[in-house]
Protein backbone atom coordinates (compact mmCIF):
# COMPACT_ATOMS: atom_id res chain seq x y z
CA MET A 1 17.27 -10.21 14.26
CA LYS A 2 17.91 -7.24 16.56
CA SER A 3 19.78 -5.31 13.89
CA THR A 4 17.05 -5.94 11.31
CA VAL A 5 14.27 -4.88 13.66
CA LEU A 6 16.21 -1.80 14.74
CA LYS A 7 17.11 -0.81 11.16
CA TYR A 8 13.64 -1.29 9.68
CA GLY A 9 11.97 -0.04 12.84
CA LEU A 10 13.88 3.23 12.63
CA TYR A 11 12.99 3.53 8.94
CA ALA A 12 9.34 3.03 9.89
CA MET A 13 9.55 5.53 12.75
CA ILE A 14 11.18 8.24 10.68
CA SER A 15 8.87 7.71 7.72
CA GLY A 16 5.80 7.66 10.00
CA PHE A 17 6.89 10.91 11.62
CA VAL A 18 7.74 12.60 8.31
CA PHE A 19 4.86 11.31 6.17
CA PHE A 20 2.28 12.01 8.87
CA GLY A 21 3.73 15.46 9.45
CA LEU A 22 4.44 16.62 5.90
CA PRO A 23 1.23 18.62 5.47
CA PHE A 24 1.82 20.33 8.82
CA LEU A 25 5.57 20.84 8.38
CA PHE A 26 5.02 22.69 5.12
CA GLY A 27 2.26 24.83 6.58
CA MET A 28 -0.47 23.38 4.41
CA GLU A 29 -3.96 23.94 5.71
CA MET A 30 -5.53 20.58 6.39
CA ASP A 31 -8.86 19.91 4.77
CA TYR A 32 -10.57 17.55 7.19
CA ASP A 33 -12.37 15.77 4.36
CA TYR A 34 -9.02 14.68 2.89
CA GLY A 35 -6.94 14.71 6.06
CA GLU A 36 -8.09 11.28 7.12
CA ALA A 37 -7.11 9.76 3.77
CA ILE A 38 -3.73 11.49 3.89
CA GLY A 39 -3.17 10.26 7.45
CA TYR A 40 -4.01 6.64 6.69
CA THR A 41 -1.85 6.74 3.56
CA ALA A 42 1.07 8.00 5.66
CA ILE A 43 0.49 5.25 8.22
CA VAL A 44 0.38 2.47 5.61
CA LEU A 45 3.49 3.82 3.84
CA SER A 46 5.45 3.77 7.10
CA LEU A 47 4.20 0.26 7.85
CA LEU A 48 5.44 -1.11 4.52
CA PHE A 49 8.79 -1.48 6.27
CA ILE A 50 7.25 -4.44 8.09
CA PHE A 51 7.18 -6.46 4.88
CA PHE A 52 10.69 -5.41 3.88
CA GLY A 53 12.09 -6.04 7.36
CA ILE A 54 10.66 -9.57 7.51
CA LYS A 55 11.88 -10.30 3.98
CA TYR A 56 15.37 -9.02 4.80
CA PHE A 57 15.52 -11.12 7.95
CA ARG A 58 14.35 -14.23 6.11
CA ASP A 59 16.64 -13.84 3.10
CA LYS A 60 19.80 -12.28 4.58
CA GLU A 61 19.95 -13.36 8.21
CA ASN A 62 18.05 -16.63 8.52
CA ASN A 63 19.04 -18.76 5.50
CA GLY A 64 15.81 -18.12 3.60
CA LYS A 65 13.56 -19.34 6.42
CA VAL A 66 11.14 -17.62 8.75
CA SER A 67 8.20 -19.04 10.65
CA PHE A 68 4.86 -17.28 10.68
CA LEU A 69 5.16 -16.46 14.40
CA LYS A 70 8.70 -15.12 14.04
CA ALA A 71 7.57 -12.97 11.10
CA LEU A 72 4.59 -11.73 13.10
CA GLY A 73 6.88 -10.82 16.01
CA ILE A 74 9.31 -8.95 13.78
CA GLY A 75 6.43 -7.12 12.15
CA MET A 76 4.88 -6.07 15.44
CA ILE A 77 8.17 -4.71 16.77
CA ILE A 78 8.63 -2.67 13.59
CA ALA A 79 5.02 -1.49 13.96
CA LEU A 80 5.87 -0.23 17.47
CA PHE A 81 8.49 2.06 15.96
CA SER A 82 6.09 3.36 13.30
CA ALA A 83 3.37 3.93 15.90
CA ALA A 84 5.80 5.90 18.05
CA GLY A 85 6.74 8.14 15.11
CA VAL A 86 3.13 8.84 14.13
CA ALA A 87 2.02 9.41 17.74
CA LEU A 88 4.95 11.76 18.36
CA MET A 89 4.05 13.84 15.30
CA ASP A 90 0.41 13.88 16.37
CA LEU A 91 1.42 15.09 19.84
CA ILE A 92 3.68 17.79 18.38
CA TYR A 93 0.93 18.90 16.02
CA THR A 94 -1.78 19.13 18.68
CA THR A 95 0.43 20.84 21.28
CA LEU A 96 2.83 23.06 19.32
CA ILE A 97 1.74 23.48 15.70
CA ASN A 98 -2.04 23.68 16.16
CA PRO A 99 -2.99 23.68 19.84
CA ASP A 100 -6.54 24.67 18.80
CA PHE A 101 -7.00 21.49 16.74
CA ALA A 102 -9.74 20.01 18.95
CA ALA A 103 -11.74 23.26 18.93
CA ASP A 104 -11.24 23.77 15.17
CA TYR A 105 -12.27 20.22 14.40
CA SER A 106 -15.31 20.55 16.66
CA VAL A 107 -16.52 23.59 14.72
CA TYR A 108 -15.98 21.76 11.42
CA TYR A 109 -17.75 18.58 12.59
CA LEU A 110 -20.74 20.39 14.07
CA GLU A 111 -21.21 22.48 10.90
CA LYS A 112 -21.02 19.33 8.79
CA LEU A 113 -23.50 17.60 11.10
CA GLN A 114 -25.90 20.53 10.96
CA ASN A 115 -25.76 20.60 7.15
CA SER A 116 -26.31 16.83 6.86
CA GLY A 117 -30.09 17.13 6.82
CA ILE A 118 -30.83 15.63 10.23
CA SER A 119 -33.66 17.01 12.34
CA ALA A 120 -33.07 19.69 14.96
CA GLU A 121 -33.70 17.16 17.73
CA GLU A 122 -31.18 14.69 16.25
CA PHE A 123 -28.66 17.49 15.85
CA LYS A 124 -29.10 18.50 19.47
CA THR A 125 -28.58 14.90 20.65
CA GLU A 126 -25.64 14.16 18.35
CA SER A 127 -23.88 17.46 19.02
CA ALA A 128 -24.20 16.94 22.79
CA LYS A 129 -22.67 13.46 22.43
CA PHE A 130 -19.85 14.81 20.27
CA LYS A 131 -19.11 17.69 22.65
CA GLN A 132 -18.93 15.25 25.56
CA GLN A 133 -16.59 12.97 23.60
CA MET A 134 -14.31 15.89 22.77
CA GLN A 135 -14.30 16.95 26.41
CA ASP A 136 -13.49 13.40 27.53
CA TYR A 137 -11.06 12.41 24.78
CA GLY A 138 -9.89 15.61 23.08
CA SER A 139 -6.64 16.10 24.97
CA PRO A 140 -3.42 15.98 22.91
CA GLY A 141 -2.07 13.05 24.93
CA PHE A 142 -5.19 10.98 24.45
CA MET A 143 -5.31 11.73 20.72
CA ALA A 144 -1.63 10.75 20.34
CA GLY A 145 -2.32 7.54 22.26
CA LEU A 146 -5.26 6.81 20.00
CA MET A 147 -3.02 7.28 16.96
CA PHE A 148 -0.49 4.88 18.51
CA VAL A 149 -3.18 2.21 18.97
CA THR A 150 -4.54 2.80 15.46
CA VAL A 151 -1.10 2.34 13.90
CA MET A 152 -0.52 -0.80 15.97
CA LEU A 153 -3.82 -2.30 14.77
CA ILE A 154 -3.00 -1.60 11.13
CA GLY A 155 0.53 -2.86 11.78
CA PHE A 156 -0.90 -6.10 13.17
CA ILE A 157 -2.88 -6.64 9.96
CA ILE A 158 0.15 -5.87 7.78
CA SER A 159 2.30 -8.16 9.96
CA LEU A 160 -0.25 -10.98 9.60
CA VAL A 161 -0.40 -10.64 5.82
CA SER A 162 3.38 -10.27 5.51
CA GLY A 163 3.95 -13.28 7.75
CA LEU A 164 1.60 -15.40 5.67
CA ILE A 165 3.25 -14.32 2.42
CA LEU A 166 6.87 -14.57 3.57
CA GLN A 167 6.85 -17.63 5.84
CA ARG A 168 9.17 -20.44 4.76
CA LYS A 169 10.23 -23.48 6.70
């Protein structure tokens, strides 16, 4: 099991790092409206290795059998690798590639909020809340940690589904 988890975990880590970082590595300007979709697509692609890792373990290393809990455990360990790759790229992006990300995103979000048609009073309230959130949570380390947790949550769902599909007694 260790070799399978390590092999597929490294695949997930490398793909998470590369897929999540492709737009930044090639110097593409990120459109925030599409950036979220691109990011989640990259995360899910890297987490597909969960399914393949469980299947490989079941078929090649465990005589065609794997329990749901064993599959879930394998999936979550592979998800840890993917989460580390995505979080590392996020940290590199927000510290080295675009250290002004939080400020740039704040300008974008506040302009979008102002153009959304809300009243001046609502804008004042919402923008104050957003500015406080960015002050509290806008550090590169916190954002990378948030990406790690996000990938782990999606990885848990993919591990659950993969475990249900691939379990055999």
